[in-house]
């Protein structure tokens, strides 16, 4: 690349993206025109389609074992596919790939500009959803889209229904200005919320058609606020499974049996104490920890400074409830680089209104254990299973059946991408980009990191404060969706002229 990025003579508001022609010259993307294009596309086409999409209860296979028969996944695929096919993008092809027993995949191939290098960008999103969850406030529901001000409420709009729309709109915005981009491949999968079990098959089958991406763009992550472009530097892994404790063939009178028969709940609680200090919340198994890189500690301190009180204020604490620590940097590290245990479900316990004086025969708990990004997930699963099942109290019948997913730690950020991300954020948000680890898991990232070790990553998203992905009252912050879309366009333009 001849010259500096970004060119020093470009005004800040318009310099976010620069592209190189085949002759090695530069020109700025008109950031104002780009944002106007994106805003109009969102208002006229994307928001109406997302409203339709939210109405479809296309739960991921983990939460709907009859997803194929129910047909909701096919409805969501058809909606997104239909919109994609209508986009005026030069040379684009759109396919829906289907294989018996697997969820479908939308595969989109957009040729690069003739002046662009022979290269590839892979853009990723998913269209499957988490289940309903209880606790939606009056007037809202998972499958009832509601727009209030800048927020579109409903399940899946932010996680991650907007991704296909945003990715193609970013490409279309560049083409509208005649700005070159390299070849772009867009993958929209339908099993991410189940751990992406079908994606490796498709990645392998499409290997030759995808090629070797030098940049991966993922639109399924979070943001610390709605005032910056947030770039994800790491993702935690996960061990999730069912812990079952059984002590009786059937329930018996608690007054007659208590003191003779151990409570299955107490046995389960004792087993969980092997994993976690119930007083502090610290995981007890040293093998589930990882050394936190110095750069990630520095980034966590920067995030704590940017967010301030919102490190805690982003969560809907009840009055008087305190966070697990007072140091903001430590709280950021807790949710991004340390193992943490949650119990997310239970069986064997009747609702309070139906809970008689019965010592129940068994208790089953859904165990969700987040892992540091660099901990090997299969080894962690084996350790958790062994820890819970060995030598159970009173000889109770104990089993743990689970699955694991790997975390991801980003490779060192190339200078051109770091500059492009910051310039894109300045052009769209008026502030520089912020780099932060995320506490959730996107199994696709670890998979791609191994398959394309030379690739750079732009991992971002719209899941900010109170957006509550997976929970009640989930919403998409529409201005952030528009700005993230514009940022992707800026980075795609900068990618053309990156150093080689």
Protein backbone atom coordinates (compact mmCIF):
# COMPACT_ATOMS: atom_id res chain seq x y z
CA UNK A 1 0.00 0.00 0.00
CA UNK A 2 1.49 3.31 -1.06
CA UNK A 3 0.96 6.07 1.51
CA UNK A 4 -0.33 6.27 5.05
CA UNK A 5 -3.63 4.96 6.40
CA UNK A 6 -5.62 7.01 6.89
CA UNK A 7 -4.33 9.79 4.59
CA UNK A 8 -3.37 12.74 6.73
CA UNK A 9 -5.11 15.30 4.51
CA UNK A 10 -8.62 13.84 4.87
CA UNK A 11 -11.08 15.47 7.28
CA UNK A 12 -11.81 13.18 10.23
CA UNK A 13 -15.54 12.98 9.53
CA UNK A 14 -14.94 11.67 6.02
CA UNK A 15 -11.70 9.72 6.25
CA UNK A 16 -12.87 6.52 7.89
CA UNK A 17 -12.38 4.39 4.80
CA UNK A 18 -9.88 4.63 2.06
CA UNK A 19 -9.68 2.36 -0.93
CA UNK A 20 -6.87 1.60 -3.31
CA UNK A 21 -7.47 1.33 -7.02
CA UNK A 22 -5.44 -0.98 -9.18
CA UNK A 23 -3.12 1.97 -9.84
CA UNK A 24 -2.37 2.39 -6.15
CA UNK A 25 -4.13 5.75 -5.66
CA UNK A 26 -6.49 6.59 -2.81
CA UNK A 27 -9.78 8.29 -2.31
CA UNK A 28 -12.01 8.63 0.71
CA UNK A 29 -15.38 7.03 1.05
CA UNK A 30 -17.91 9.79 1.53
CA UNK A 31 -18.93 8.89 5.08
CA UNK A 32 -21.99 11.15 5.05
CA UNK A 33 -23.38 9.60 1.88
CA UNK A 34 -22.59 6.14 3.17
CA UNK A 35 -24.47 6.69 6.42
CA UNK A 36 -27.41 8.22 4.54
CA UNK A 37 -27.54 5.12 2.30
CA UNK A 38 -27.42 2.78 5.29
CA UNK A 39 -30.01 4.74 7.27
CA UNK A 40 -32.44 4.71 4.35
CA UNK A 41 -31.97 1.00 3.73
CA UNK A 42 -32.62 0.23 7.40
CA UNK A 43 -35.74 2.40 7.54
CA UNK A 44 -37.27 1.28 4.26
CA UNK A 45 -36.31 -2.41 4.11
CA UNK A 46 -34.43 -3.84 7.07
CA UNK A 47 -36.66 -2.85 10.00
CA UNK A 48 -39.86 -4.09 8.26
CA UNK A 49 -38.17 -7.43 7.51
CA UNK A 50 -36.88 -7.73 11.09
CA UNK A 51 -40.41 -7.16 12.35
CA UNK A 52 -41.51 -10.15 10.26
CA UNK A 53 -38.51 -12.18 11.38
CA UNK A 54 -39.17 -11.63 15.09
CA UNK A 55 -42.65 -13.10 14.68
CA UNK A 56 -41.18 -16.47 13.63
CA UNK A 57 -40.47 -18.79 16.63
CA UNK A 58 -37.50 -20.43 14.90
CA UNK A 59 -35.86 -21.78 18.03
CA UNK A 60 -32.50 -23.46 17.70
CA UNK A 61 -32.57 -27.29 17.57
CA UNK A 62 -31.35 -27.52 21.17
CA UNK A 63 -34.66 -25.94 22.22
CA UNK A 64 -36.94 -27.39 19.53
CA UNK A 65 -36.25 -31.04 18.78
CA UNK A 66 -38.94 -30.95 16.06
CA UNK A 67 -37.58 -27.86 14.33
CA UNK A 68 -37.63 -29.57 10.91
CA UNK A 69 -41.26 -30.69 11.21
CA UNK A 70 -42.43 -27.39 12.66
CA UNK A 71 -41.07 -25.48 9.69
CA UNK A 72 -40.22 -22.25 11.50
CA UNK A 73 -36.56 -22.45 10.54
CA UNK A 74 -37.53 -22.75 6.89
CA UNK A 75 -39.76 -19.69 7.27
CA UNK A 76 -36.89 -17.63 8.66
CA UNK A 77 -34.54 -18.86 5.94
CA UNK A 78 -37.09 -18.02 3.24
CA UNK A 79 -37.62 -14.52 4.61
CA UNK A 80 -33.90 -13.69 4.69
CA UNK A 81 -33.14 -15.48 1.42
CA UNK A 82 -35.91 -13.61 -0.36
CA UNK A 83 -34.65 -10.22 0.79
CA UNK A 84 -31.06 -11.06 -0.12
CA UNK A 85 -31.96 -12.11 -3.66
CA UNK A 86 -33.61 -8.74 -4.30
CA UNK A 87 -30.55 -6.67 -3.41
CA UNK A 88 -28.92 -4.83 -6.34
CA UNK A 89 -25.42 -6.17 -5.67
CA UNK A 90 -23.26 -6.81 -8.69
CA UNK A 91 -22.65 -10.47 -9.50
CA UNK A 92 -24.07 -11.78 -6.21
CA UNK A 93 -25.26 -15.37 -5.95
CA UNK A 94 -27.49 -16.62 -3.11
CA UNK A 95 -27.92 -20.30 -2.23
CA UNK A 96 -29.62 -22.22 0.55
CA UNK A 97 -27.70 -25.40 1.32
CA UNK A 98 -29.59 -28.28 2.90
CA UNK A 99 -28.42 -31.68 4.09
CA UNK A 100 -30.61 -34.32 5.70
CA UNK A 101 -30.54 -34.09 9.49
CA UNK A 102 -28.80 -30.71 9.53
CA UNK A 103 -30.04 -27.16 9.77
CA UNK A 104 -29.86 -25.14 6.54
CA UNK A 105 -27.17 -22.61 5.66
CA UNK A 106 -27.47 -19.47 3.52
CA UNK A 107 -24.36 -19.09 1.34
CA UNK A 108 -23.84 -15.77 -0.46
CA UNK A 109 -20.94 -15.04 -2.81
CA UNK A 110 -20.23 -11.48 -3.96
CA UNK A 111 -17.41 -11.08 -6.51
CA UNK A 112 -14.72 -8.51 -5.84
CA UNK A 113 -14.24 -5.37 -7.90
CA UNK A 114 -12.01 -5.90 -10.97
CA UNK A 115 -9.44 -3.51 -9.45
CA UNK A 116 -9.48 -5.30 -6.09
CA UNK A 117 -6.82 -7.85 -5.12
CA UNK A 118 -7.56 -11.57 -5.37
CA UNK A 119 -8.66 -11.92 -1.77
CA UNK A 120 -11.66 -12.84 0.36
CA UNK A 121 -13.62 -11.50 3.32
CA UNK A 122 -15.90 -13.87 5.23
CA UNK A 123 -18.94 -12.29 6.91
CA UNK A 124 -20.88 -14.35 9.44
CA UNK A 125 -24.22 -14.33 11.24
CA UNK A 126 -26.94 -16.73 12.37
CA UNK A 127 -30.72 -16.84 12.22
CA UNK A 128 -31.71 -19.38 14.90
CA UNK A 129 -33.06 -18.14 18.23
CA UNK A 130 -33.03 -18.80 21.94
CA UNK A 131 -36.29 -19.94 23.60
CA UNK A 132 -39.00 -17.63 24.92
CA UNK A 133 -37.90 -17.16 28.56
CA UNK A 134 -40.30 -15.76 31.14
CA UNK A 135 -40.45 -12.26 32.59
CA UNK A 136 -41.34 -10.12 29.57
CA UNK A 137 -42.97 -6.91 30.71
CA UNK A 138 -46.56 -6.16 29.84
CA UNK A 139 -47.01 -5.39 26.16
CA UNK A 140 -43.87 -7.26 25.08
CA UNK A 141 -43.20 -10.85 24.13
CA UNK A 142 -40.59 -12.94 22.33
CA UNK A 143 -42.59 -13.27 19.10
CA UNK A 144 -44.36 -9.89 19.25
CA UNK A 145 -42.22 -7.17 17.64
CA UNK A 146 -42.68 -3.77 19.26
CA UNK A 147 -40.88 -0.55 18.34
CA UNK A 148 -40.51 1.94 21.17
CA UNK A 149 -38.36 4.92 20.28
CA UNK A 150 -34.99 3.63 19.08
CA UNK A 151 -35.61 0.06 20.24
CA UNK A 152 -37.08 -2.91 18.38
CA UNK A 153 -38.19 -5.46 20.98
CA UNK A 154 -38.52 -9.19 20.34
CA UNK A 155 -36.47 -12.36 20.24
CA UNK A 156 -33.64 -12.58 17.75
CA UNK A 157 -33.55 -9.17 16.09
CA UNK A 158 -30.25 -8.27 17.71
CA UNK A 159 -29.11 -11.88 18.21
CA UNK A 160 -28.59 -12.23 15.29
CA UNK A 161 -31.30 -11.63 12.74
CA UNK A 162 -29.92 -8.29 11.58
CA UNK A 163 -26.59 -9.81 10.46
CA UNK A 164 -27.52 -10.83 6.90
CA UNK A 165 -29.24 -7.50 6.29
CA UNK A 166 -26.33 -5.53 7.72
CA UNK A 167 -23.65 -7.45 5.82
CA UNK A 168 -25.26 -7.01 2.39
CA UNK A 169 -26.19 -3.39 3.07
CA UNK A 170 -22.55 -2.61 3.88
CA UNK A 171 -21.48 -4.10 0.54
CA UNK A 172 -24.27 -2.32 -1.34
CA UNK A 173 -23.30 1.00 0.26
CA UNK A 174 -19.78 0.71 -1.16
CA UNK A 175 -21.02 -0.26 -4.60
CA UNK A 176 -23.38 2.73 -4.58
CA UNK A 177 -20.31 4.99 -4.37
CA UNK A 178 -18.23 2.93 -6.78
CA UNK A 179 -15.80 1.99 -4.03
CA UNK A 180 -14.02 -1.33 -4.68
CA UNK A 181 -14.14 -4.22 -2.24
CA UNK A 182 -12.60 -7.65 -2.38
CA UNK A 183 -14.67 -10.80 -2.83
CA UNK A 184 -17.11 -11.28 0.03
CA UNK A 185 -18.59 -14.56 1.24
CA UNK A 186 -21.55 -14.34 3.63
CA UNK A 187 -22.50 -17.34 5.78
CA UNK A 188 -25.75 -17.30 7.75
CA UNK A 189 -26.13 -20.47 9.81
CA UNK A 190 -29.08 -21.89 11.74
CA UNK A 191 -27.57 -23.76 14.70
CA UNK A 192 -25.40 -21.21 16.54
CA UNK A 193 -27.56 -21.11 19.65
CA UNK A 194 -27.06 -24.88 19.88
CA UNK A 195 -23.27 -24.57 19.71
CA UNK A 196 -22.97 -24.57 15.87
CA UNK A 197 -22.91 -28.40 15.53
CA UNK A 198 -23.74 -28.22 11.81
CA UNK A 199 -21.33 -25.47 10.81
CA UNK A 200 -18.10 -27.54 10.65
CA UNK A 201 -19.74 -29.81 8.08
CA UNK A 202 -20.64 -26.87 5.85
CA UNK A 203 -17.27 -25.16 6.28
CA UNK A 204 -15.55 -28.35 5.20
CA UNK A 205 -17.91 -28.95 2.29
CA UNK A 206 -17.55 -25.35 1.09
CA UNK A 207 -13.80 -25.16 1.64
CA UNK A 208 -12.85 -24.66 -2.01
CA UNK A 209 -15.67 -22.21 -2.63
CA UNK A 210 -14.88 -20.11 0.41
CA UNK A 211 -11.15 -19.97 -0.19
CA UNK A 212 -8.81 -18.49 2.41
CA UNK A 213 -10.25 -15.34 3.98
CA UNK A 214 -7.80 -12.70 5.14
CA UNK A 215 -10.54 -10.97 7.16
CA UNK A 216 -13.47 -12.44 9.10
CA UNK A 217 -16.35 -10.16 10.09
CA UNK A 218 -18.74 -11.48 12.75
CA UNK A 219 -21.83 -9.48 13.68
CA UNK A 220 -22.92 -11.62 16.65
CA UNK A 221 -21.12 -10.00 19.56
CA UNK A 222 -21.81 -7.32 22.13
CA UNK A 223 -21.10 -3.66 22.80
CA UNK A 224 -20.35 -1.97 26.08
CA UNK A 225 -22.40 1.10 25.20
CA UNK A 226 -24.16 2.60 22.20
CA UNK A 227 -21.60 5.37 21.71
CA UNK A 228 -18.58 3.50 20.26
CA UNK A 229 -17.69 0.71 17.89
CA UNK A 230 -16.89 -2.20 20.19
CA UNK A 231 -14.42 -4.77 18.92
CA UNK A 232 -14.35 -8.17 20.60
CA UNK A 233 -10.88 -9.47 21.45
CA UNK A 234 -11.82 -12.75 23.13
CA UNK A 235 -14.75 -15.05 23.89
CA UNK A 236 -15.16 -17.48 26.74
CA UNK A 237 -15.66 -21.19 26.23
CA UNK A 238 -18.44 -23.20 27.83
CA UNK A 239 -19.23 -26.46 29.56
CA UNK A 240 -22.98 -27.00 29.78
CA UNK A 241 -24.87 -30.07 30.92
CA UNK A 242 -27.42 -31.74 33.17
CA UNK A 243 -26.50 -32.80 36.69
CA UNK A 244 -28.93 -35.46 37.95
CA UNK A 245 -29.10 -36.65 41.56
CA UNK A 246 -31.51 -39.48 42.50
CA UNK A 247 -32.04 -41.00 45.95
CA UNK A 248 -35.49 -42.71 45.88
CA UNK A 249 -37.74 -44.61 43.50
CA UNK A 250 -40.62 -42.28 44.41
CA UNK A 251 -41.33 -39.31 46.63
CA UNK A 252 -42.15 -39.90 50.32
CA UNK A 253 -43.59 -37.88 53.22
CA UNK A 254 -40.90 -35.40 54.28
CA UNK A 255 -41.86 -35.61 57.95
CA UNK A 256 -41.43 -39.37 57.91
CA UNK A 257 -38.27 -39.59 55.80
CA UNK A 258 -36.21 -36.49 56.57
CA UNK A 259 -33.30 -37.40 58.79
CA UNK A 260 -33.20 -40.89 57.27
CA UNK A 261 -33.11 -40.10 53.55
CA UNK A 262 -30.74 -37.39 52.36
CA UNK A 263 -32.36 -34.60 50.36
CA UNK A 264 -31.42 -34.87 46.70
CA UNK A 265 -31.21 -31.08 46.61
CA UNK A 266 -28.65 -31.07 49.43
CA UNK A 267 -26.60 -33.72 47.65
CA UNK A 268 -26.67 -31.61 44.48
CA UNK A 269 -25.67 -28.55 46.45
CA UNK A 270 -22.75 -30.47 47.98
CA UNK A 271 -21.58 -31.60 44.56
CA UNK A 272 -21.73 -28.06 43.20
CA UNK A 273 -19.51 -26.95 46.07
CA UNK A 274 -16.80 -29.12 44.51
CA UNK A 275 -16.89 -26.78 41.53
CA UNK A 276 -17.55 -23.44 43.18
CA UNK A 277 -17.00 -21.65 46.46
CA UNK A 278 -20.60 -20.75 47.26
CA UNK A 279 -19.50 -17.83 49.43
CA UNK A 280 -17.31 -16.02 46.92
CA UNK A 281 -18.43 -17.48 43.58
CA UNK A 282 -14.85 -18.44 42.73
CA UNK A 283 -14.42 -21.69 40.80
CA UNK A 284 -12.38 -24.16 42.86
CA UNK A 285 -10.65 -26.17 40.11
CA UNK A 286 -7.27 -24.61 39.20
CA UNK A 287 -7.21 -26.36 35.81
CA UNK A 288 -10.19 -24.26 34.71
CA UNK A 289 -8.22 -21.02 34.99
CA UNK A 290 -5.89 -19.50 32.41
CA UNK A 291 -3.21 -16.83 32.61
CA UNK A 292 -4.67 -13.50 31.51
CA UNK A 293 -2.42 -11.83 28.92
CA UNK A 294 -1.05 -8.43 29.88
CA UNK A 295 -2.68 -6.77 26.85
CA UNK A 296 -6.09 -8.14 27.86
CA UNK A 297 -5.63 -6.74 31.37
CA UNK A 298 -4.78 -3.35 29.89
CA UNK A 299 -7.83 -3.48 27.64
CA UNK A 300 -10.05 -4.40 30.60
CA UNK A 301 -8.77 -1.37 32.48
CA UNK A 302 -9.54 0.78 29.43
CA UNK A 303 -13.06 -0.63 29.22
CA UNK A 304 -13.61 0.07 32.90
CA UNK A 305 -12.51 3.67 32.35
CA UNK A 306 -14.78 4.15 29.31
CA UNK A 307 -17.84 2.59 30.94
CA UNK A 308 -17.35 3.89 34.48
CA UNK A 309 -20.39 3.12 36.62
CA UNK A 310 -22.04 1.34 33.68
CA UNK A 311 -19.78 -1.66 34.28
CA UNK A 312 -22.35 -2.40 37.00
CA UNK A 313 -25.20 -0.11 35.97
CA UNK A 314 -25.82 -2.04 32.75
CA UNK A 315 -27.48 -4.82 34.78
CA UNK A 316 -30.98 -4.65 36.30
CA UNK A 317 -29.97 -5.11 39.94
CA UNK A 318 -32.72 -4.95 42.54
CA UNK A 319 -32.35 -2.13 45.09
CA UNK A 320 -29.64 -2.94 47.60
CA UNK A 321 -28.11 -5.86 45.65
CA UNK A 322 -24.35 -5.52 45.20
CA UNK A 323 -22.02 -6.80 42.46
CA UNK A 324 -19.49 -9.56 43.14
CA UNK A 325 -16.59 -7.07 43.41
CA UNK A 326 -16.06 -3.34 43.69
CA UNK A 327 -13.06 -2.96 41.37
CA UNK A 328 -14.42 -2.27 37.88
CA UNK A 329 -11.44 -3.76 36.07
CA UNK A 330 -11.77 -6.96 38.08
CA UNK A 331 -15.46 -7.14 37.20
CA UNK A 332 -14.61 -6.85 33.49
CA UNK A 333 -12.03 -9.62 33.86
CA UNK A 334 -14.50 -11.76 35.83
CA UNK A 335 -16.94 -11.74 32.92
CA UNK A 336 -14.35 -12.20 30.16
CA UNK A 337 -11.32 -14.19 31.39
CA UNK A 338 -12.35 -16.12 34.49
CA UNK A 339 -14.41 -19.30 34.89
CA UNK A 340 -17.84 -18.71 36.39
CA UNK A 341 -20.66 -21.11 37.28
CA UNK A 342 -24.39 -20.52 36.75
CA UNK A 343 -27.39 -22.79 37.29
CA UNK A 344 -29.81 -21.99 34.51
CA UNK A 345 -32.58 -24.56 34.97
CA UNK A 346 -34.02 -27.28 37.17
CA UNK A 347 -36.24 -30.36 36.98
CA UNK A 348 -37.80 -32.39 39.75
CA UNK A 349 -39.07 -29.40 41.73
CA UNK A 350 -42.77 -28.61 41.47
CA UNK A 351 -44.03 -25.00 41.38
CA UNK A 352 -44.48 -23.49 44.84
CA UNK A 353 -48.25 -23.73 44.63
CA UNK A 354 -48.01 -27.50 44.12
CA UNK A 355 -45.13 -28.22 46.49
CA UNK A 356 -46.45 -30.57 49.16
CA UNK A 357 -44.58 -31.97 52.16
CA UNK A 358 -42.76 -34.54 50.04
CA UNK A 359 -39.11 -35.49 50.04
CA UNK A 360 -38.58 -35.63 46.31
CA UNK A 361 -36.90 -38.63 44.66
CA UNK A 362 -34.44 -36.58 42.65
CA UNK A 363 -33.14 -33.20 41.51
CA UNK A 364 -31.75 -32.25 38.12
CA UNK A 365 -29.93 -28.99 37.42
CA UNK A 366 -28.73 -27.32 34.24
CA UNK A 367 -25.10 -26.43 34.83
CA UNK A 368 -23.51 -23.65 32.76
CA UNK A 369 -19.80 -23.15 33.37
CA UNK A 370 -18.07 -20.39 31.42
CA UNK A 371 -14.40 -21.03 30.65
CA UNK A 372 -11.50 -18.66 29.99
CA UNK A 373 -10.85 -18.22 26.25
CA UNK A 374 -7.74 -20.40 26.16
CA UNK A 375 -8.88 -23.37 28.30
CA UNK A 376 -9.24 -26.59 26.32
CA UNK A 377 -13.00 -27.35 26.39
CA UNK A 378 -12.98 -31.16 26.13
CA UNK A 379 -10.49 -31.45 28.98
CA UNK A 380 -12.66 -29.11 31.03
CA UNK A 381 -15.75 -31.23 30.31
CA UNK A 382 -13.99 -34.41 31.42
CA UNK A 383 -12.78 -32.73 34.61
CA UNK A 384 -16.23 -31.38 35.48
CA UNK A 385 -17.87 -34.76 34.87
CA UNK A 386 -15.30 -36.60 36.99
CA UNK A 387 -15.51 -34.01 39.78
CA UNK A 388 -19.30 -34.24 40.03
CA UNK A 389 -19.71 -37.99 39.66
CA UNK A 390 -16.93 -39.43 41.81
CA UNK A 391 -17.73 -40.68 45.34
CA UNK A 392 -21.24 -39.20 45.63
CA UNK A 393 -22.53 -38.53 49.17
CA UNK A 394 -24.61 -41.38 50.62
CA UNK A 395 -24.08 -43.39 47.45
CA UNK A 396 -26.65 -41.26 45.62
CA UNK A 397 -27.09 -41.98 41.92
CA UNK A 398 -25.32 -39.08 40.20
CA UNK A 399 -24.71 -38.38 36.55
CA UNK A 400 -23.49 -35.41 34.56
CA UNK A 401 -24.10 -35.38 30.81
CA UNK A 402 -22.78 -32.36 29.04
CA UNK A 403 -21.18 -30.70 26.06
CA UNK A 404 -18.41 -28.18 25.64
CA UNK A 405 -17.50 -25.36 23.29
CA UNK A 406 -14.15 -23.69 22.89
CA UNK A 407 -13.37 -20.06 23.55
CA UNK A 408 -11.33 -17.76 21.35
CA UNK A 409 -8.53 -15.25 21.81
CA UNK A 410 -7.94 -12.91 18.88
CA UNK A 411 -4.58 -12.90 17.11
CA UNK A 412 -2.54 -9.69 17.32
CA UNK A 413 -4.39 -6.91 15.54
CA UNK A 414 -2.76 -5.78 12.29
CA UNK A 415 -1.92 -2.09 12.14
CA UNK A 416 -4.14 -1.45 9.13
CA UNK A 417 -7.17 -3.03 10.82
CA UNK A 418 -6.62 -1.25 14.11
CA UNK A 419 -6.49 2.07 12.25
CA UNK A 420 -9.51 1.17 10.10
CA UNK A 421 -11.64 0.20 13.10
CA UNK A 422 -10.79 3.39 14.94
CA UNK A 423 -11.39 5.58 11.88
CA UNK A 424 -14.68 3.82 11.17
CA UNK A 425 -15.82 4.43 14.74
CA UNK A 426 -14.81 8.09 14.54
CA UNK A 427 -16.74 8.53 11.30
CA UNK A 428 -19.95 6.87 12.53
CA UNK A 429 -20.03 7.28 16.32
CA UNK A 430 -17.80 10.36 16.64
CA UNK A 431 -15.57 8.43 19.07
CA UNK A 432 -12.74 5.93 18.72
CA UNK A 433 -13.17 2.16 18.80
CA UNK A 434 -12.98 0.22 22.08
CA UNK A 435 -11.51 -3.29 22.37
CA UNK A 436 -13.01 -5.69 24.92
CA UNK A 437 -13.37 -9.38 25.64
CA UNK A 438 -16.86 -10.85 25.77
CA UNK A 439 -18.23 -13.30 28.31
CA UNK A 440 -20.35 -15.30 25.89
CA UNK A 441 -19.34 -17.98 23.41
CA UNK A 442 -19.36 -18.06 19.62
CA UNK A 443 -18.00 -21.53 18.74
CA UNK A 444 -17.59 -20.48 15.11
CA UNK A 445 -14.74 -18.13 16.06
CA UNK A 446 -12.49 -20.76 17.55
CA UNK A 447 -13.16 -23.02 14.59
CA UNK A 448 -12.24 -20.30 12.09
CA UNK A 449 -9.21 -19.23 14.10
CA UNK A 450 -7.81 -22.74 13.75
CA UNK A 451 -8.77 -23.13 10.08
CA UNK A 452 -7.51 -19.69 8.99
CA UNK A 453 -4.63 -18.85 11.34
CA UNK A 454 -3.48 -15.89 9.20
CA UNK A 455 -6.88 -14.18 9.14
CA UNK A 456 -7.69 -10.94 10.92
CA UNK A 457 -10.99 -10.58 12.79
CA UNK A 458 -13.57 -7.84 13.14
CA UNK A 459 -15.95 -9.16 15.79
CA UNK A 460 -18.64 -6.71 16.77
CA UNK A 461 -22.35 -6.44 17.44
CA UNK A 462 -25.31 -4.52 18.78
CA UNK A 463 -25.97 -6.30 22.08
CA UNK A 464 -25.43 -3.43 24.49
CA UNK A 465 -26.69 -2.36 27.91
CA UNK A 466 -30.13 -3.78 28.79
CA UNK A 467 -30.54 -5.39 25.34
CA UNK A 468 -30.80 -8.68 27.26
CA UNK A 469 -29.99 -11.30 24.64
CA UNK A 470 -31.49 -14.71 25.57
CA UNK A 471 -33.59 -13.12 28.30
CA UNK A 472 -36.89 -11.22 28.54
CA UNK A 473 -37.31 -7.82 26.89
CA UNK A 474 -34.55 -8.41 24.34
CA UNK A 475 -34.18 -5.46 21.98
CA UNK A 476 -32.19 -4.19 19.04
CA UNK A 477 -30.94 -0.61 19.40
CA UNK A 478 -31.70 0.61 15.89
CA UNK A 479 -29.21 3.53 15.69
CA UNK A 480 -26.42 1.16 16.70
CA UNK A 481 -27.48 -1.36 14.07
CA UNK A 482 -27.21 1.35 11.43
CA UNK A 483 -23.83 2.56 12.65
CA UNK A 484 -22.34 -0.92 12.94
CA UNK A 485 -23.47 -1.57 9.36
CA UNK A 486 -21.67 1.59 8.22
CA UNK A 487 -18.54 0.60 10.15
CA UNK A 488 -18.45 -2.74 8.33
CA UNK A 489 -18.58 -0.88 5.01
CA UNK A 490 -15.69 1.35 6.06
CA UNK A 491 -13.56 -1.61 7.05
CA UNK A 492 -14.33 -3.50 3.85
CA UNK A 493 -13.13 -0.48 1.87
CA UNK A 494 -9.94 -0.20 3.93
CA UNK A 495 -9.29 -3.93 3.51
CA UNK A 496 -8.75 -3.45 -0.23
CA UNK A 497 -5.70 -1.27 0.33
CA UNK A 498 -4.16 -3.01 3.31
CA UNK A 499 -0.40 -3.73 3.24
CA UNK A 500 0.62 -7.11 1.84
